[in-house]
Amino acid sequence: MVLDTQNWPETVNLTSIKNTSDVEGDTLVEAINNLNTADKALQTNIDNEATSRKEADETLQANINKEATAREDADNALSDKIAALGSALKYKGSVTSYDDLPTDAEVGDVYNVEEAYESIAAGTNWAWTGSEWDPLGGSIDLSKYVTQEELDEKLKDIDVDLNYATDAEVTSDVDSLFSKGNNN
């Protein structure tokens, strides 16, 4: 519908033009009512879209919160498992001999046994498994081995003359070997 507004008076009395028809046969009042209806429908669509977006945002935020909670729960569970592993062995101290190990130990208790026991070296740590003492390894006496300082002291007086051949000398020697072989 096209309205020609150039010839309108400065104020329009709608009641006086109530039955005035436009080119398509609709009255001006019906045209205004149609515009109002279209405006309400558009506003309803806008409101519905806003509601849909708000619901989508709320759903997204709920999913983000669930994910964050799940990650936090997983991190806590992993931390608990790591902490349990860290406390699997509990060092309790030292005893003089294997026979001095306690009979009321808890699983994971570890003692250092200062003296050798059967074929197990002195200074071995022993862990209680719940049914027996398990040797974890012992100390190794390295006092019979030479130290770096002792080795350096012994080697400083040794005069080693390392004469290496140059590339030219090696090439010359190789060439002379091949030339002797070709003369036969």
C-alpha atoms as a PDB file:
ATOM      1  CA  MET A   1       0.000   0.000   0.000  1.00  0.00           C
ATOM      2  CA  VAL A   2       1.391   3.399  -0.930  1.00  0.00           C
ATOM      3  CA  LEU A   3       0.146   6.495   0.870  1.00  0.00           C
ATOM      4  CA  ASP A   4       0.463   9.897  -0.678  1.00  0.00           C
ATOM      5  CA  THR A   5       1.308  12.114   2.283  1.00  0.00           C
ATOM      6  CA  GLN A   6       2.096  15.298   0.311  1.00  0.00           C
ATOM      7  CA  ASN A   7      -1.530  16.431   0.239  1.00  0.00           C
ATOM      8  CA  TRP A   8      -2.354  15.609   3.868  1.00  0.00           C
ATOM      9  CA  PRO A   9      -3.290  18.323   6.279  1.00  0.00           C
ATOM     10  CA  GLU A  10      -0.960  19.013   9.164  1.00  0.00           C
ATOM     11  CA  THR A  11      -3.243  17.116  11.567  1.00  0.00           C
ATOM     12  CA  VAL A  12      -5.231  14.082  10.585  1.00  0.00           C
ATOM     13  CA  ASN A  13      -8.487  13.132  12.251  1.00  0.00           C
ATOM     14  CA  LEU A  14      -8.761   9.345  11.900  1.00  0.00           C
ATOM     15  CA  THR A  15     -12.445   9.273  12.683  1.00  0.00           C
ATOM     16  CA  SER A  16     -13.167  11.559   9.741  1.00  0.00           C
ATOM     17  CA  ILE A  17     -11.265   9.323   7.347  1.00  0.00           C
ATOM     18  CA  LYS A  18     -12.542   6.094   8.806  1.00  0.00           C
ATOM     19  CA  ASN A  19     -14.145   4.992   5.582  1.00  0.00           C
ATOM     20  CA  THR A  20     -11.606   6.498   3.202  1.00  0.00           C
ATOM     21  CA  SER A  21     -10.214   3.831   0.893  1.00  0.00           C
ATOM     22  CA  ASP A  22      -6.733   3.570  -0.530  1.00  0.00           C
ATOM     23  CA  VAL A  23      -5.814   2.242  -3.931  1.00  0.00           C
ATOM     24  CA  GLU A  24      -6.184  -1.417  -2.879  1.00  0.00           C
ATOM     25  CA  GLY A  25      -9.516  -0.917  -1.213  1.00  0.00           C
ATOM     26  CA  ASP A  26      -8.417  -1.101   2.444  1.00  0.00           C
ATOM     27  CA  THR A  27      -9.419   1.684   4.701  1.00  0.00           C
ATOM     28  CA  LEU A  28      -6.693   3.620   6.427  1.00  0.00           C
ATOM     29  CA  VAL A  29      -7.795   2.267   9.798  1.00  0.00           C
ATOM     30  CA  GLU A  30      -7.537  -1.303   8.510  1.00  0.00           C
ATOM     31  CA  ALA A  31      -4.056  -0.530   7.172  1.00  0.00           C
ATOM     32  CA  ILE A  32      -2.989   0.820  10.578  1.00  0.00           C
ATOM     33  CA  ASN A  33      -4.502  -2.245  12.271  1.00  0.00           C
ATOM     34  CA  ASN A  34      -2.586  -4.488   9.849  1.00  0.00           C
ATOM     35  CA  LEU A  35       0.641  -2.635  10.664  1.00  0.00           C
ATOM     36  CA  ASN A  36      -0.050  -2.985  14.388  1.00  0.00           C
ATOM     37  CA  THR A  37      -0.697  -6.715  13.930  1.00  0.00           C
ATOM     38  CA  ALA A  38       2.518  -7.102  11.934  1.00  0.00           C
ATOM     39  CA  ASP A  39       4.411  -5.116  14.582  1.00  0.00           C
ATOM     40  CA  LYS A  40       3.047  -7.370  17.350  1.00  0.00           C
ATOM     41  CA  ALA A  41       3.990 -10.489  15.346  1.00  0.00           C
ATOM     42  CA  LEU A  42       7.493  -9.123  14.795  1.00  0.00           C
ATOM     43  CA  GLN A  43       7.844  -8.293  18.488  1.00  0.00           C
ATOM     44  CA  THR A  44       6.629 -11.815  19.365  1.00  0.00           C
ATOM     45  CA  ASN A  45       9.270 -13.272  17.035  1.00  0.00           C
ATOM     46  CA  ILE A  46      11.937 -11.071  18.621  1.00  0.00           C
ATOM     47  CA  ASP A  47      10.810 -12.110  22.115  1.00  0.00           C
ATOM     48  CA  ASN A  48      10.763 -15.794  21.115  1.00  0.00           C
ATOM     49  CA  GLU A  49      14.271 -15.505  19.618  1.00  0.00           C
ATOM     50  CA  ALA A  50      15.534 -13.775  22.763  1.00  0.00           C
ATOM     51  CA  THR A  51      13.985 -16.522  24.911  1.00  0.00           C
ATOM     52  CA  SER A  52      15.551 -19.220  22.699  1.00  0.00           C
ATOM     53  CA  ARG A  53      18.970 -17.579  22.907  1.00  0.00           C
ATOM     54  CA  LYS A  54      18.660 -17.183  26.668  1.00  0.00           C
ATOM     55  CA  GLU A  55      17.727 -20.872  27.016  1.00  0.00           C
ATOM     56  CA  ALA A  56      20.624 -21.859  24.737  1.00  0.00           C
ATOM     57  CA  ASP A  57      23.024 -19.718  26.803  1.00  0.00           C
ATOM     58  CA  GLU A  58      21.725 -21.280  30.028  1.00  0.00           C
ATOM     59  CA  THR A  59      22.120 -24.782  28.565  1.00  0.00           C
ATOM     60  CA  LEU A  60      25.646 -23.973  27.395  1.00  0.00           C
ATOM     61  CA  GLN A  61      26.564 -22.563  30.802  1.00  0.00           C
ATOM     62  CA  ALA A  62      25.109 -25.635  32.523  1.00  0.00           C
ATOM     63  CA  ASN A  63      27.205 -27.882  30.242  1.00  0.00           C
ATOM     64  CA  ILE A  64      30.321 -25.801  30.961  1.00  0.00           C
ATOM     65  CA  ASN A  65      29.639 -26.095  34.701  1.00  0.00           C
ATOM     66  CA  LYS A  66      29.131 -29.876  34.410  1.00  0.00           C
ATOM     67  CA  GLU A  67      32.399 -30.190  32.475  1.00  0.00           C
ATOM     68  CA  ALA A  68      34.256 -28.101  35.058  1.00  0.00           C
ATOM     69  CA  THR A  69      32.811 -30.207  37.884  1.00  0.00           C
ATOM     70  CA  ALA A  70      33.720 -33.437  36.066  1.00  0.00           C
ATOM     71  CA  ARG A  71      37.278 -32.213  35.516  1.00  0.00           C
ATOM     72  CA  GLU A  72      37.597 -31.147  39.132  1.00  0.00           C
ATOM     73  CA  ASP A  73      36.288 -34.536  40.292  1.00  0.00           C
ATOM     74  CA  ALA A  74      38.736 -36.328  37.974  1.00  0.00           C
ATOM     75  CA  ASP A  75      41.629 -34.160  39.185  1.00  0.00           C
ATOM     76  CA  ASN A  76      40.717 -34.872  42.810  1.00  0.00           C
ATOM     77  CA  ALA A  77      40.449 -38.615  42.148  1.00  0.00           C
ATOM     78  CA  LEU A  78      43.827 -38.590  40.410  1.00  0.00           C
ATOM     79  CA  SER A  79      45.387 -36.601  43.244  1.00  0.00           C
ATOM     80  CA  ASP A  80      43.995 -39.101  45.753  1.00  0.00           C
ATOM     81  CA  LYS A  81      45.464 -42.014  43.786  1.00  0.00           C
ATOM     82  CA  ILE A  82      48.834 -40.294  43.486  1.00  0.00           C
ATOM     83  CA  ALA A  83      48.821 -39.545  47.199  1.00  0.00           C
ATOM     84  CA  ALA A  84      48.023 -43.197  47.926  1.00  0.00           C
ATOM     85  CA  LEU A  85      50.939 -44.280  45.762  1.00  0.00           C
ATOM     86  CA  GLY A  86      53.278 -41.852  47.504  1.00  0.00           C
ATOM     87  CA  SER A  87      52.478 -43.410  50.836  1.00  0.00           C
ATOM     88  CA  ALA A  88      52.788 -47.047  49.694  1.00  0.00           C
ATOM     89  CA  LEU A  89      56.137 -47.359  51.458  1.00  0.00           C
ATOM     90  CA  LYS A  90      56.639 -45.758  54.856  1.00  0.00           C
ATOM     91  CA  TYR A  91      60.182 -45.541  56.181  1.00  0.00           C
ATOM     92  CA  LYS A  92      60.089 -46.436  59.870  1.00  0.00           C
ATOM     93  CA  GLY A  93      63.770 -46.400  60.827  1.00  0.00           C
ATOM     94  CA  SER A  94      66.724 -48.733  61.252  1.00  0.00           C
ATOM     95  CA  VAL A  95      67.304 -51.969  63.142  1.00  0.00           C
ATOM     96  CA  THR A  96      70.589 -53.751  63.777  1.00  0.00           C
ATOM     97  CA  SER A  97      69.703 -57.162  62.374  1.00  0.00           C
ATOM     98  CA  TYR A  98      66.992 -58.925  60.374  1.00  0.00           C
ATOM     99  CA  ASP A  99      65.834 -60.624  63.584  1.00  0.00           C
ATOM    100  CA  ASP A 100      65.122 -57.165  65.053  1.00  0.00           C
ATOM    101  CA  LEU A 101      62.438 -56.386  62.442  1.00  0.00           C
ATOM    102  CA  PRO A 102      59.046 -55.914  64.138  1.00  0.00           C
ATOM    103  CA  THR A 103      56.422 -58.663  64.103  1.00  0.00           C
ATOM    104  CA  ASP A 104      53.516 -56.180  64.149  1.00  0.00           C
ATOM    105  CA  ALA A 105      54.441 -54.212  61.005  1.00  0.00           C
ATOM    106  CA  GLU A 106      51.839 -52.805  58.606  1.00  0.00           C
ATOM    107  CA  VAL A 107      51.932 -53.303  54.850  1.00  0.00           C
ATOM    108  CA  GLY A 108      54.441 -50.826  53.382  1.00  0.00           C
ATOM    109  CA  ASP A 109      56.534 -50.354  56.527  1.00  0.00           C
ATOM    110  CA  VAL A 110      60.227 -50.117  55.595  1.00  0.00           C
ATOM    111  CA  TYR A 111      63.239 -50.641  57.842  1.00  0.00           C
ATOM    112  CA  ASN A 112      66.939 -50.410  57.146  1.00  0.00           C
ATOM    113  CA  VAL A 113      68.768 -53.519  58.424  1.00  0.00           C
ATOM    114  CA  GLU A 114      72.329 -52.511  59.286  1.00  0.00           C
ATOM    115  CA  GLU A 115      73.848 -56.026  59.269  1.00  0.00           C
ATOM    116  CA  ALA A 116      73.952 -58.501  56.396  1.00  0.00           C
ATOM    117  CA  TYR A 117      71.323 -61.242  56.437  1.00  0.00           C
ATOM    118  CA  GLU A 118      72.090 -64.501  54.661  1.00  0.00           C
ATOM    119  CA  SER A 119      73.164 -63.408  51.150  1.00  0.00           C
ATOM    120  CA  ILE A 120      71.569 -59.945  51.456  1.00  0.00           C
ATOM    121  CA  ALA A 121      74.049 -57.081  51.934  1.00  0.00           C
ATOM    122  CA  ALA A 122      74.267 -54.955  55.050  1.00  0.00           C
ATOM    123  CA  GLY A 123      72.330 -51.706  54.782  1.00  0.00           C
ATOM    124  CA  THR A 124      69.462 -53.268  52.846  1.00  0.00           C
ATOM    125  CA  ASN A 125      66.007 -51.737  53.219  1.00  0.00           C
ATOM    126  CA  TRP A 126      63.276 -54.300  53.941  1.00  0.00           C
ATOM    127  CA  ALA A 127      59.545 -53.725  53.302  1.00  0.00           C
ATOM    128  CA  TRP A 128      56.691 -55.660  54.924  1.00  0.00           C
ATOM    129  CA  THR A 129      54.361 -57.111  52.235  1.00  0.00           C
ATOM    130  CA  GLY A 130      51.718 -58.321  54.643  1.00  0.00           C
ATOM    131  CA  SER A 131      53.133 -61.836  54.774  1.00  0.00           C
ATOM    132  CA  GLU A 132      56.934 -61.443  54.653  1.00  0.00           C
ATOM    133  CA  TRP A 133      59.839 -59.005  54.684  1.00  0.00           C
ATOM    134  CA  ASP A 134      61.000 -58.177  51.139  1.00  0.00           C
ATOM    135  CA  PRO A 135      64.540 -56.833  50.551  1.00  0.00           C
ATOM    136  CA  LEU A 136      64.408 -53.613  48.508  1.00  0.00           C
ATOM    137  CA  GLY A 137      68.159 -53.224  47.982  1.00  0.00           C
ATOM    138  CA  GLY A 138      71.175 -52.447  50.010  1.00  0.00           C
ATOM    139  CA  SER A 139      74.043 -50.069  50.294  1.00  0.00           C
ATOM    140  CA  ILE A 140      77.076 -50.710  48.145  1.00  0.00           C
ATOM    141  CA  ASP A 141      80.501 -50.091  49.631  1.00  0.00           C
ATOM    142  CA  LEU A 142      82.446 -48.104  47.053  1.00  0.00           C
ATOM    143  CA  SER A 143      85.457 -47.466  49.319  1.00  0.00           C
ATOM    144  CA  LYS A 144      87.524 -50.107  47.484  1.00  0.00           C
ATOM    145  CA  TYR A 145      87.176 -48.244  44.185  1.00  0.00           C
ATOM    146  CA  VAL A 146      89.553 -45.534  43.050  1.00  0.00           C
ATOM    147  CA  THR A 147      88.237 -41.958  43.218  1.00  0.00           C
ATOM    148  CA  GLN A 148      88.559 -39.426  40.400  1.00  0.00           C
ATOM    149  CA  GLU A 149      91.133 -37.455  42.410  1.00  0.00           C
ATOM    150  CA  GLU A 150      93.240 -40.595  42.971  1.00  0.00           C
ATOM    151  CA  LEU A 151      93.066 -41.456  39.274  1.00  0.00           C
ATOM    152  CA  ASP A 152      94.038 -37.918  38.232  1.00  0.00           C
ATOM    153  CA  GLU A 153      97.011 -38.012  40.654  1.00  0.00           C
ATOM    154  CA  LYS A 154      98.286 -41.330  39.256  1.00  0.00           C
ATOM    155  CA  LEU A 155      97.891 -40.248  35.624  1.00  0.00           C
ATOM    156  CA  LYS A 156      99.501 -36.806  35.945  1.00  0.00           C
ATOM    157  CA  ASP A 157     103.031 -38.276  36.003  1.00  0.00           C
ATOM    158  CA  ILE A 158     102.518 -40.486  32.979  1.00  0.00           C
ATOM    159  CA  ASP A 159     103.939 -38.863  29.874  1.00  0.00           C
ATOM    160  CA  VAL A 160     102.030 -40.006  26.899  1.00  0.00           C
ATOM    161  CA  ASP A 161     103.303 -38.781  23.567  1.00  0.00           C
ATOM    162  CA  LEU A 162     100.496 -39.128  21.150  1.00  0.00           C
ATOM    163  CA  ASN A 163     101.787 -38.351  17.696  1.00  0.00           C
ATOM    164  CA  TYR A 164      98.991 -38.476  15.216  1.00  0.00           C
ATOM    165  CA  ALA A 165      99.530 -38.497  11.480  1.00  0.00           C
ATOM    166  CA  THR A 166      98.245 -35.557   9.475  1.00  0.00           C
ATOM    167  CA  ASP A 167      95.826 -35.995   6.586  1.00  0.00           C
ATOM    168  CA  ALA A 168      98.647 -35.333   4.131  1.00  0.00           C
ATOM    169  CA  GLU A 169     100.845 -38.015   5.748  1.00  0.00           C
ATOM    170  CA  VAL A 170      98.036 -40.577   5.648  1.00  0.00           C
ATOM    171  CA  THR A 171      97.264 -39.771   2.019  1.00  0.00           C
ATOM    172  CA  SER A 172     100.937 -40.049   1.086  1.00  0.00           C
ATOM    173  CA  ASP A 173     101.275 -43.411   2.862  1.00  0.00           C
ATOM    174  CA  VAL A 174      98.133 -44.776   1.202  1.00  0.00           C
ATOM    175  CA  ASP A 175      99.275 -43.564  -2.204  1.00  0.00           C
ATOM    176  CA  SER A 176     102.674 -45.190  -1.762  1.00  0.00           C
ATOM    177  CA  LEU A 177     101.023 -48.498  -0.776  1.00  0.00           C
ATOM    178  CA  PHE A 178      98.866 -48.476  -3.875  1.00  0.00           C
ATOM    179  CA  SER A 179     101.731 -47.483  -6.156  1.00  0.00           C
ATOM    180  CA  LYS A 180     103.831 -50.385  -4.823  1.00  0.00           C
ATOM    181  CA  GLY A 181     100.959 -52.771  -5.484  1.00  0.00           C
ATOM    182  CA  ASN A 182     100.623 -51.589  -9.066  1.00  0.00           C
ATOM    183  CA  ASN A 183     104.328 -52.067  -9.820  1.00  0.00           C
ATOM    184  CA  ASN A 184     104.151 -55.874  -9.403  1.00  0.00           C
END
